[in-house]
Full PDB file with SEQRES, HELIX, SHEET, SSBOND, CRYST1, ORIGX, SCALE, CONECT and MASTER records, all heavy atoms in Angstrom:
SEQRES   1 A   38  MET SER HIS MET CYS ILE ASP THR ALA VAL ARG ALA CYS          
SEQRES   2 A   38  GLN ASP PHE GLY PHE ARG VAL VAL LEU LEU ASP ASP ALA          
SEQRES   3 A   38  CYS ALA THR LYS ASP LEU THR TYR ASN ASP GLU ILE              
HELIX    1 AA1 SER A    2  ILE A    6  3                                   5    
HELIX    2 AA2 ASP A    7  ASP A   15  1                                   9    
HELIX    3 AA3 ASP A   24  ALA A   26  5                                   3    
CRYST1    1.000    1.000    1.000  90.00  90.00  90.00 P 1           1          
ORIGX1      1.000000  0.000000  0.000000        0.00000                         
ORIGX2      0.000000  1.000000  0.000000        0.00000                         
ORIGX3      0.000000  0.000000  1.000000        0.00000                         
SCALE1      1.000000  0.000000  0.000000        0.00000                         
SCALE2      0.000000  1.000000  0.000000        0.00000                         
SCALE3      0.000000  0.000000  1.000000        0.00000                         
ATOM      1  N   MET A   1      87.172 101.219 144.632  1.00  0.00           N  
ATOM      2  CA  MET A   1      88.485 100.754 144.998  1.00  0.00           C  
ATOM      3  C   MET A   1      89.540 101.473 144.203  1.00  0.00           C  
ATOM      4  O   MET A   1      89.389 101.610 142.988  1.00  0.00           O  
ATOM      5  CB  MET A   1      88.593  99.262 144.769  1.00  0.00           C  
ATOM      6  CG  MET A   1      87.679  98.391 145.576  1.00  0.00           C  
ATOM      7  SD  MET A   1      87.950  96.580 145.454  1.00  0.00           S  
ATOM      8  CE  MET A   1      87.356  96.285 143.840  1.00  0.00           C  
ATOM      9  N   SER A   2      90.635 101.754 144.798  1.00  0.00           N  
ATOM     10  CA  SER A   2      91.736 102.536 144.200  1.00  0.00           C  
ATOM     11  C   SER A   2      92.170 101.895 142.895  1.00  0.00           C  
ATOM     12  O   SER A   2      92.380 102.582 141.892  1.00  0.00           O  
ATOM     13  CB  SER A   2      92.936 102.598 145.123  1.00  0.00           C  
ATOM     14  OG  SER A   2      92.596 103.101 146.380  1.00  0.00           O  
ATOM     15  N   HIS A   3      92.340 100.546 142.891  1.00  0.00           N  
ATOM     16  CA  HIS A   3      92.858  99.846 141.739  1.00  0.00           C  
ATOM     17  C   HIS A   3      91.873  99.559 140.629  1.00  0.00           C  
ATOM     18  O   HIS A   3      92.267  99.100 139.536  1.00  0.00           O  
ATOM     19  CB  HIS A   3      93.502  98.531 142.201  1.00  0.00           C  
ATOM     20  CG  HIS A   3      92.529  97.442 142.510  1.00  0.00           C  
ATOM     21  ND1 HIS A   3      91.911  97.391 143.711  1.00  0.00           N  
ATOM     22  CD2 HIS A   3      92.081  96.443 141.788  1.00  0.00           C  
ATOM     23  CE1 HIS A   3      91.087  96.321 143.710  1.00  0.00           C  
ATOM     24  NE2 HIS A   3      91.216  95.755 142.520  1.00  0.00           N  
ATOM     25  N   MET A   4      90.619  99.850 140.851  1.00  0.00           N  
ATOM     26  CA  MET A   4      89.616  99.481 139.847  1.00  0.00           C  
ATOM     27  C   MET A   4      88.770 100.671 139.414  1.00  0.00           C  
ATOM     28  O   MET A   4      89.066 101.304 138.450  1.00  0.00           O  
ATOM     29  CB  MET A   4      88.708  98.338 140.446  1.00  0.00           C  
ATOM     30  CG  MET A   4      87.685  97.823 139.514  1.00  0.00           C  
ATOM     31  SD  MET A   4      88.302  96.872 138.192  1.00  0.00           S  
ATOM     32  CE  MET A   4      88.971  95.467 138.991  1.00  0.00           C  
ATOM     33  N   CYS A   5      87.739 100.956 140.193  1.00  0.00           N  
ATOM     34  CA  CYS A   5      86.801 102.011 139.788  1.00  0.00           C  
ATOM     35  C   CYS A   5      87.362 103.423 139.892  1.00  0.00           C  
ATOM     36  O   CYS A   5      87.048 104.274 139.108  1.00  0.00           O  
ATOM     37  CB  CYS A   5      85.503 101.855 140.521  1.00  0.00           C  
ATOM     38  SG  CYS A   5      84.712 100.209 140.203  1.00  0.00           S  
ATOM     39  N   ILE A   6      88.196 103.656 140.889  1.00  0.00           N  
ATOM     40  CA  ILE A   6      88.843 104.955 141.024  1.00  0.00           C  
ATOM     41  C   ILE A   6      89.800 105.176 139.831  1.00  0.00           C  
ATOM     42  O   ILE A   6      89.758 106.191 139.142  1.00  0.00           O  
ATOM     43  CB  ILE A   6      89.565 105.096 142.355  1.00  0.00           C  
ATOM     44  CG1 ILE A   6      88.573 105.010 143.539  1.00  0.00           C  
ATOM     45  CG2 ILE A   6      90.413 106.383 142.454  1.00  0.00           C  
ATOM     46  CD1 ILE A   6      87.510 106.075 143.588  1.00  0.00           C  
ATOM     47  N   ASP A   7      90.675 104.212 139.627  1.00  0.00           N  
ATOM     48  CA  ASP A   7      91.623 104.294 138.524  1.00  0.00           C  
ATOM     49  C   ASP A   7      90.909 104.494 137.198  1.00  0.00           C  
ATOM     50  O   ASP A   7      91.261 105.385 136.388  1.00  0.00           O  
ATOM     51  CB  ASP A   7      92.453 103.039 138.452  1.00  0.00           C  
ATOM     52  CG  ASP A   7      93.409 102.976 137.280  1.00  0.00           C  
ATOM     53  OD1 ASP A   7      94.340 103.768 137.237  1.00  0.00           O  
ATOM     54  OD2 ASP A   7      93.197 102.118 136.411  1.00  0.00           O  
ATOM     55  N   THR A   8      89.882 103.757 136.955  1.00  0.00           N  
ATOM     56  CA  THR A   8      89.126 103.859 135.676  1.00  0.00           C  
ATOM     57  C   THR A   8      88.494 105.233 135.475  1.00  0.00           C  
ATOM     58  O   THR A   8      88.590 105.809 134.439  1.00  0.00           O  
ATOM     59  CB  THR A   8      88.051 102.735 135.621  1.00  0.00           C  
ATOM     60  OG1 THR A   8      88.677 101.485 135.788  1.00  0.00           O  
ATOM     61  CG2 THR A   8      87.324 102.734 134.267  1.00  0.00           C  
ATOM     62  N   ALA A   9      87.894 105.759 136.559  1.00  0.00           N  
ATOM     63  CA  ALA A   9      87.225 107.070 136.481  1.00  0.00           C  
ATOM     64  C   ALA A   9      88.257 108.175 136.234  1.00  0.00           C  
ATOM     65  O   ALA A   9      88.012 109.035 135.391  1.00  0.00           O  
ATOM     66  CB  ALA A   9      86.421 107.352 137.745  1.00  0.00           C  
ATOM     67  N   VAL A  10      89.352 108.136 137.004  1.00  0.00           N  
ATOM     68  CA  VAL A  10      90.357 109.173 136.842  1.00  0.00           C  
ATOM     69  C   VAL A  10      90.893 109.200 135.428  1.00  0.00           C  
ATOM     70  O   VAL A  10      91.018 110.278 134.825  1.00  0.00           O  
ATOM     71  CB  VAL A  10      91.508 108.999 137.870  1.00  0.00           C  
ATOM     72  CG1 VAL A  10      92.677 109.885 137.592  1.00  0.00           C  
ATOM     73  CG2 VAL A  10      90.989 109.200 139.278  1.00  0.00           C  
ATOM     74  N   ARG A  11      91.246 108.051 134.898  1.00  0.00           N  
ATOM     75  CA  ARG A  11      91.759 108.028 133.533  1.00  0.00           C  
ATOM     76  C   ARG A  11      90.754 108.480 132.502  1.00  0.00           C  
ATOM     77  O   ARG A  11      91.087 109.204 131.527  1.00  0.00           O  
ATOM     78  CB  ARG A  11      92.298 106.644 133.208  1.00  0.00           C  
ATOM     79  CG  ARG A  11      93.528 106.273 133.958  1.00  0.00           C  
ATOM     80  CD  ARG A  11      93.969 104.823 133.779  1.00  0.00           C  
ATOM     81  NE  ARG A  11      95.028 104.441 134.683  1.00  0.00           N  
ATOM     82  CZ  ARG A  11      96.329 104.569 134.455  1.00  0.00           C  
ATOM     83  NH1 ARG A  11      96.713 105.083 133.287  1.00  0.00           N  
ATOM     84  NH2 ARG A  11      97.226 104.199 135.329  1.00  0.00           N  
ATOM     85  N   ALA A  12      89.493 108.099 132.661  1.00  0.00           N  
ATOM     86  CA  ALA A  12      88.418 108.504 131.735  1.00  0.00           C  
ATOM     87  C   ALA A  12      88.234 110.027 131.771  1.00  0.00           C  
ATOM     88  O   ALA A  12      87.887 110.579 130.738  1.00  0.00           O  
ATOM     89  CB  ALA A  12      87.133 107.820 132.074  1.00  0.00           C  
ATOM     90  N   CYS A  13      88.432 110.630 132.896  1.00  0.00           N  
ATOM     91  CA  CYS A  13      88.243 112.138 132.955  1.00  0.00           C  
ATOM     92  C   CYS A  13      89.126 112.842 131.975  1.00  0.00           C  
ATOM     93  O   CYS A  13      88.725 113.839 131.385  1.00  0.00           O  
ATOM     94  CB  CYS A  13      88.571 112.602 134.379  1.00  0.00           C  
ATOM     95  SG  CYS A  13      87.213 112.282 135.530  1.00  0.00           S  
ATOM     96  N   GLN A  14      90.312 112.301 131.745  1.00  0.00           N  
ATOM     97  CA  GLN A  14      91.234 112.939 130.730  1.00  0.00           C  
ATOM     98  C   GLN A  14      90.601 112.839 129.362  1.00  0.00           C  
ATOM     99  O   GLN A  14      90.668 113.823 128.591  1.00  0.00           O  
ATOM    100  CB  GLN A  14      92.567 112.239 130.775  1.00  0.00           C  
ATOM    101  CG  GLN A  14      93.608 112.928 129.875  1.00  0.00           C  
ATOM    102  CD  GLN A  14      94.944 112.242 129.906  1.00  0.00           C  
ATOM    103  OE1 GLN A  14      95.116 111.126 129.417  1.00  0.00           O  
ATOM    104  NE2 GLN A  14      95.905 112.887 130.542  1.00  0.00           N  
ATOM    105  N   ASP A  15      89.944 111.798 129.012  1.00  0.00           N  
ATOM    106  CA  ASP A  15      89.276 111.616 127.691  1.00  0.00           C  
ATOM    107  C   ASP A  15      88.225 112.690 127.486  1.00  0.00           C  
ATOM    108  O   ASP A  15      87.985 113.078 126.349  1.00  0.00           O  
ATOM    109  CB  ASP A  15      88.625 110.204 127.594  1.00  0.00           C  
ATOM    110  CG  ASP A  15      89.649 109.113 127.614  1.00  0.00           C  
ATOM    111  OD1 ASP A  15      90.834 109.325 127.331  1.00  0.00           O  
ATOM    112  OD2 ASP A  15      89.222 107.966 127.917  1.00  0.00           O  
ATOM    113  N   PHE A  16      87.606 113.111 128.578  1.00  0.00           N  
ATOM    114  CA  PHE A  16      86.488 114.088 128.478  1.00  0.00           C  
ATOM    115  C   PHE A  16      86.945 115.526 128.796  1.00  0.00           C  
ATOM    116  O   PHE A  16      86.123 116.438 128.802  1.00  0.00           O  
ATOM    117  CB  PHE A  16      85.351 113.693 129.390  1.00  0.00           C  
ATOM    118  CG  PHE A  16      84.738 112.363 129.047  1.00  0.00           C  
ATOM    119  CD1 PHE A  16      84.914 111.239 129.793  1.00  0.00           C  
ATOM    120  CD2 PHE A  16      83.939 112.233 127.886  1.00  0.00           C  
ATOM    121  CE1 PHE A  16      84.369 110.030 129.436  1.00  0.00           C  
ATOM    122  CE2 PHE A  16      83.418 111.025 127.510  1.00  0.00           C  
ATOM    123  CZ  PHE A  16      83.603 109.925 128.290  1.00  0.00           C  
ATOM    124  N   GLY A  17      88.220 115.719 129.056  1.00  0.00           N  
ATOM    125  CA  GLY A  17      88.768 117.076 129.246  1.00  0.00           C  
ATOM    126  C   GLY A  17      88.603 117.607 130.621  1.00  0.00           C  
ATOM    127  O   GLY A  17      88.740 118.838 130.837  1.00  0.00           O  
ATOM    128  N   PHE A  18      88.354 116.784 131.619  1.00  0.00           N  
ATOM    129  CA  PHE A  18      88.228 117.285 133.002  1.00  0.00           C  
ATOM    130  C   PHE A  18      89.550 117.198 133.719  1.00  0.00           C  
ATOM    131  O   PHE A  18      90.301 116.227 133.568  1.00  0.00           O  
ATOM    132  CB  PHE A  18      87.196 116.467 133.787  1.00  0.00           C  
ATOM    133  CG  PHE A  18      85.829 116.502 133.177  1.00  0.00           C  
ATOM    134  CD1 PHE A  18      85.307 115.358 132.575  1.00  0.00           C  
ATOM    135  CD2 PHE A  18      85.033 117.621 133.232  1.00  0.00           C  
ATOM    136  CE1 PHE A  18      84.008 115.367 132.008  1.00  0.00           C  
ATOM    137  CE2 PHE A  18      83.739 117.676 132.642  1.00  0.00           C  
ATOM    138  CZ  PHE A  18      83.238 116.518 132.034  1.00  0.00           C  
ATOM    139  N   ARG A  19      89.809 118.213 134.572  1.00  0.00           N  
ATOM    140  CA  ARG A  19      90.987 118.153 135.473  1.00  0.00           C  
ATOM    141  C   ARG A  19      90.578 117.433 136.733  1.00  0.00           C  
ATOM    142  O   ARG A  19      89.445 117.659 137.209  1.00  0.00           O  
ATOM    143  CB  ARG A  19      91.471 119.551 135.742  1.00  0.00           C  
ATOM    144  CG  ARG A  19      92.145 120.225 134.548  1.00  0.00           C  
ATOM    145  CD  ARG A  19      92.717 121.585 134.948  1.00  0.00           C  
ATOM    146  NE  ARG A  19      91.685 122.517 135.384  1.00  0.00           N  
ATOM    147  CZ  ARG A  19      91.047 123.385 134.604  1.00  0.00           C  
ATOM    148  NH1 ARG A  19      91.360 123.474 133.297  1.00  0.00           N  
ATOM    149  NH2 ARG A  19      90.187 124.218 135.064  1.00  0.00           N  
ATOM    150  N   VAL A  20      91.493 116.640 137.310  1.00  0.00           N  
ATOM    151  CA  VAL A  20      91.103 115.840 138.472  1.00  0.00           C  
ATOM    152  C   VAL A  20      92.103 116.075 139.605  1.00  0.00           C  
ATOM    153  O   VAL A  20      93.309 116.121 139.434  1.00  0.00           O  
ATOM    154  CB  VAL A  20      91.175 114.350 138.079  1.00  0.00           C  
ATOM    155  CG1 VAL A  20      90.989 113.481 139.351  1.00  0.00           C  
ATOM    156  CG2 VAL A  20      90.133 114.017 137.063  1.00  0.00           C  
ATOM    157  N   VAL A  21      91.522 116.228 140.788  1.00  0.00           N  
ATOM    158  CA  VAL A  21      92.214 116.109 142.048  1.00  0.00           C  
ATOM    159  C   VAL A  21      91.782 114.806 142.658  1.00  0.00           C  
ATOM    160  O   VAL A  21      90.562 114.582 142.827  1.00  0.00           O  
ATOM    161  CB  VAL A  21      91.938 117.314 143.000  1.00  0.00           C  
ATOM    162  CG1 VAL A  21      92.486 117.030 144.391  1.00  0.00           C  
ATOM    163  CG2 VAL A  21      92.489 118.606 142.458  1.00  0.00           C  
ATOM    164  N   LEU A  22      92.695 113.948 143.010  1.00  0.00           N  
ATOM    165  CA  LEU A  22      92.414 112.625 143.612  1.00  0.00           C  
ATOM    166  C   LEU A  22      92.857 112.646 145.023  1.00  0.00           C  
ATOM    167  O   LEU A  22      94.024 112.947 145.363  1.00  0.00           O  
ATOM    168  CB  LEU A  22      93.117 111.532 142.813  1.00  0.00           C  
ATOM    169  CG  LEU A  22      92.961 110.101 143.297  1.00  0.00           C  
ATOM    170  CD1 LEU A  22      91.482 109.704 143.381  1.00  0.00           C  
ATOM    171  CD2 LEU A  22      93.739 109.129 142.389  1.00  0.00           C  
ATOM    172  N   LEU A  23      91.968 112.338 145.936  1.00  0.00           N  
ATOM    173  CA  LEU A  23      92.233 112.343 147.370  1.00  0.00           C  
ATOM    174  C   LEU A  23      92.775 110.974 147.804  1.00  0.00           C  
ATOM    175  O   LEU A  23      91.949 110.089 148.042  1.00  0.00           O  
ATOM    176  CB  LEU A  23      91.001 112.764 148.158  1.00  0.00           C  
ATOM    177  CG  LEU A  23      90.407 114.137 147.787  1.00  0.00           C  
ATOM    178  CD1 LEU A  23      89.132 114.403 148.591  1.00  0.00           C  
ATOM    179  CD2 LEU A  23      91.461 115.207 148.009  1.00  0.00           C  
ATOM    180  N   ASP A  24      94.062 110.906 147.962  1.00  0.00           N  
ATOM    181  CA  ASP A  24      94.779 109.644 148.283  1.00  0.00           C  
ATOM    182  C   ASP A  24      94.227 108.993 149.503  1.00  0.00           C  
ATOM    183  O   ASP A  24      93.978 107.786 149.516  1.00  0.00           O  
ATOM    184  CB  ASP A  24      96.248 110.030 148.470  1.00  0.00           C  
ATOM    185  CG  ASP A  24      97.050 108.941 149.124  1.00  0.00           C  
ATOM    186  OD1 ASP A  24      97.564 108.062 148.391  1.00  0.00           O  
ATOM    187  OD2 ASP A  24      97.226 108.982 150.341  1.00  0.00           O  
ATOM    188  N   ASP A  25      93.986 109.737 150.608  1.00  0.00           N  
ATOM    189  CA  ASP A  25      93.598 109.164 151.856  1.00  0.00           C  
ATOM    190  C   ASP A  25      92.071 109.059 151.988  1.00  0.00           C  
ATOM    191  O   ASP A  25      91.551 108.728 153.062  1.00  0.00           O  
ATOM    192  CB  ASP A  25      94.188 109.934 153.031  1.00  0.00           C  
ATOM    193  CG  ASP A  25      93.832 111.441 152.998  1.00  0.00           C  
ATOM    194  OD1 ASP A  25      93.253 111.931 152.031  1.00  0.00           O  
ATOM    195  OD2 ASP A  25      94.182 112.105 153.995  1.00  0.00           O  
ATOM    196  N   ALA A  26      91.357 109.344 150.922  1.00  0.00           N  
ATOM    197  CA  ALA A  26      89.898 109.200 150.893  1.00  0.00           C  
ATOM    198  C   ALA A  26      89.521 108.097 149.870  1.00  0.00           C  
ATOM    199  O   ALA A  26      88.487 108.128 149.284  1.00  0.00           O  
ATOM    200  CB  ALA A  26      89.204 110.498 150.557  1.00  0.00           C  
ATOM    201  N   CYS A  27      90.448 107.154 149.654  1.00  0.00           N  
ATOM    202  CA  CYS A  27      90.250 106.021 148.783  1.00  0.00           C  
ATOM    203  C   CYS A  27      90.733 104.782 149.528  1.00  0.00           C  
ATOM    204  O   CYS A  27      91.571 104.851 150.426  1.00  0.00           O  
ATOM    205  CB  CYS A  27      91.054 106.151 147.492  1.00  0.00           C  
ATOM    206  SG  CYS A  27      90.569 107.533 146.408  1.00  0.00           S  
ATOM    207  N   ALA A  28      90.201 103.632 149.163  1.00  0.00           N  
ATOM    208  CA  ALA A  28      90.618 102.382 149.766  1.00  0.00           C  
ATOM    209  C   ALA A  28      90.622 101.264 148.716  1.00  0.00           C  
ATOM    210  O   ALA A  28      89.978 101.374 147.636  1.00  0.00           O  
ATOM    211  CB  ALA A  28      89.644 102.011 150.908  1.00  0.00           C  
ATOM    212  N   THR A  29      91.400 100.225 149.024  1.00  0.00           N  
ATOM    213  CA  THR A  29      91.441  99.023 148.115  1.00  0.00           C  
ATOM    214  C   THR A  29      91.680  97.813 148.950  1.00  0.00           C  
ATOM    215  O   THR A  29      91.488  97.821 150.184  1.00  0.00           O  
ATOM    216  CB  THR A  29      92.554  99.298 147.035  1.00  0.00           C  
ATOM    217  OG1 THR A  29      92.386  98.365 145.998  1.00  0.00           O  
ATOM    218  CG2 THR A  29      93.945  99.201 147.585  1.00  0.00           C  
ATOM    219  N   LYS A  30      92.098  96.724 148.328  1.00  0.00           N  
ATOM    220  CA  LYS A  30      92.303  95.482 149.065  1.00  0.00           C  
ATOM    221  C   LYS A  30      93.573  94.797 148.490  1.00  0.00           C  
ATOM    222  O   LYS A  30      94.116  95.217 147.485  1.00  0.00           O  
ATOM    223  CB  LYS A  30      91.105  94.569 148.929  1.00  0.00           C  
ATOM    224  CG  LYS A  30      90.795  94.159 147.482  1.00  0.00           C  
ATOM    225  CD  LYS A  30      89.549  93.275 147.496  1.00  0.00           C  
ATOM    226  CE  LYS A  30      89.152  92.910 146.095  1.00  0.00           C  
ATOM    227  NZ  LYS A  30      87.983  91.986 146.087  1.00  0.00           N  
ATOM    228  N   ASP A  31      93.963  93.729 149.175  1.00  0.00           N  
ATOM    229  CA  ASP A  31      95.066  92.926 148.714  1.00  0.00           C  
ATOM    230  C   ASP A  31      94.714  92.328 147.344  1.00  0.00           C  
ATOM    231  O   ASP A  31      93.542  91.980 147.144  1.00  0.00           O  
ATOM    232  CB  ASP A  31      95.345  91.757 149.669  1.00  0.00           C  
ATOM    233  CG  ASP A  31      95.857  92.156 151.031  1.00  0.00           C  
ATOM    234  OD1 ASP A  31      96.196  93.329 151.216  1.00  0.00           O  
ATOM    235  OD2 ASP A  31      95.900  91.257 151.905  1.00  0.00           O  
ATOM    236  N   LEU A  32      95.653  92.219 146.472  1.00  0.00           N  
ATOM    237  CA  LEU A  32      95.461  91.525 145.190  1.00  0.00           C  
ATOM    238  C   LEU A  32      96.432  90.395 145.085  1.00  0.00           C  
ATOM    239  O   LEU A  32      97.458  90.373 145.754  1.00  0.00           O  
ATOM    240  CB  LEU A  32      95.719  92.559 144.037  1.00  0.00           C  
ATOM    241  CG  LEU A  32      94.786  93.728 143.919  1.00  0.00           C  
ATOM    242  CD1 LEU A  32      95.164  94.595 142.736  1.00  0.00           C  
ATOM    243  CD2 LEU A  32      93.328  93.305 143.804  1.00  0.00           C  
ATOM    244  N   THR A  33      96.096  89.448 144.199  1.00  0.00           N  
ATOM    245  CA  THR A  33      96.971  88.331 143.966  1.00  0.00           C  
ATOM    246  C   THR A  33      97.413  88.329 142.503  1.00  0.00           C  
ATOM    247  O   THR A  33      96.545  88.474 141.605  1.00  0.00           O  
ATOM    248  CB  THR A  33      96.276  86.987 144.323  1.00  0.00           C  
ATOM    249  OG1 THR A  33      95.857  87.029 145.665  1.00  0.00           O  
ATOM    250  CG2 THR A  33      97.217  85.799 144.100  1.00  0.00           C  
ATOM    251  N   TYR A  34      98.722  88.167 142.274  1.00  0.00           N  
ATOM    252  CA  TYR A  34      99.265  88.070 140.948  1.00  0.00           C  
ATOM    253  C   TYR A  34     100.384  87.061 140.934  1.00  0.00           C  
ATOM    254  O   TYR A  34     101.293  87.136 141.786  1.00  0.00           O  
ATOM    255  CB  TYR A  34      99.767  89.467 140.473  1.00  0.00           C  
ATOM    256  CG  TYR A  34     100.338  89.454 139.075  1.00  0.00           C  
ATOM    257  CD1 TYR A  34      99.475  89.312 138.006  1.00  0.00           C  
ATOM    258  CD2 TYR A  34     101.693  89.557 138.869  1.00  0.00           C  
ATOM    259  CE1 TYR A  34      99.978  89.287 136.692  1.00  0.00           C  
ATOM    260  CE2 TYR A  34     102.181  89.567 137.589  1.00  0.00           C  
ATOM    261  CZ  TYR A  34     101.360  89.416 136.509  1.00  0.00           C  
ATOM    262  OH  TYR A  34     101.862  89.408 135.225  1.00  0.00           O  
ATOM    263  N   ASN A  35     100.342  86.076 140.019  1.00  0.00           N  
ATOM    264  CA  ASN A  35     101.350  85.032 139.939  1.00  0.00           C  
ATOM    265  C   ASN A  35     101.531  84.355 141.296  1.00  0.00           C  
ATOM    266  O   ASN A  35     102.660  84.105 141.748  1.00  0.00           O  
ATOM    267  CB  ASN A  35     102.705  85.546 139.448  1.00  0.00           C  
ATOM    268  CG  ASN A  35     102.666  85.808 137.976  1.00  0.00           C  
ATOM    269  OD1 ASN A  35     101.857  85.249 137.213  1.00  0.00           O  
ATOM    270  ND2 ASN A  35     103.588  86.660 137.542  1.00  0.00           N  
ATOM    271  N   ASP A  36     100.412  84.020 141.906  1.00  0.00           N  
ATOM    272  CA  ASP A  36     100.368  83.383 143.238  1.00  0.00           C  
ATOM    273  C   ASP A  36     101.052  84.168 144.342  1.00  0.00           C  
ATOM    274  O   ASP A  36     101.418  83.636 145.383  1.00  0.00           O  
ATOM    275  CB  ASP A  36     101.021  81.932 143.161  1.00  0.00           C  
ATOM    276  CG  ASP A  36     100.240  81.037 142.241  1.00  0.00           C  
ATOM    277  OD1 ASP A  36      98.985  81.120 142.237  1.00  0.00           O  
ATOM    278  OD2 ASP A  36     100.874  80.248 141.506  1.00  0.00           O  
ATOM    279  N   GLU A  37     101.241  85.440 144.156  1.00  0.00           N  
ATOM    280  CA  GLU A  37     101.848  86.313 145.151  1.00  0.00           C  
ATOM    281  C   GLU A  37     100.799  87.312 145.630  1.00  0.00           C  
ATOM    282  O   GLU A  37     100.107  87.902 144.796  1.00  0.00           O  
ATOM    283  CB  GLU A  37     103.036  87.033 144.595  1.00  0.00           C  
ATOM    284  CG  GLU A  37     103.699  87.973 145.580  1.00  0.00           C  
ATOM    285  CD  GLU A  37     104.870  88.774 144.975  1.00  0.00           C  
ATOM    286  OE1 GLU A  37     105.297  88.467 143.825  1.00  0.00           O  
ATOM    287  OE2 GLU A  37     105.289  89.729 145.596  1.00  0.00           O  
ATOM    288  N   ILE A  38     100.710  87.499 146.935  1.00  0.00           N  
ATOM    289  CA  ILE A  38      99.764  88.458 147.479  1.00  0.00           C  
ATOM    290  C   ILE A  38     100.463  89.840 147.508  1.00  0.00           C  
ATOM    291  O   ILE A  38     101.548  89.984 148.076  1.00  0.00           O  
ATOM    292  CB  ILE A  38      99.291  88.071 148.891  1.00  0.00           C  
ATOM    293  CG1 ILE A  38      98.452  86.758 148.788  1.00  0.00           C  
ATOM    294  CG2 ILE A  38      98.475  89.188 149.547  1.00  0.00           C  
ATOM    295  CD1 ILE A  38      98.095  86.188 150.156  1.00  0.00           C  
TER     296      ILE A  38                                                      
MASTER        0    0    0    3    0    0    0    6  295    1    0    3          
END                                                                             
C-alpha cells in the first residue's frame, strides 16, 4: 500500500544508498481515518 509498505521501502532505500524510481500509477492504497475523519 502506498501509505505503508511502499512508503517504508522507498525511505529505507535512501538509508542503503539506492536511487529509487517510484511508479505512481502502479501503486494502490485505501481510505484512512484520522480524528474521526475519512
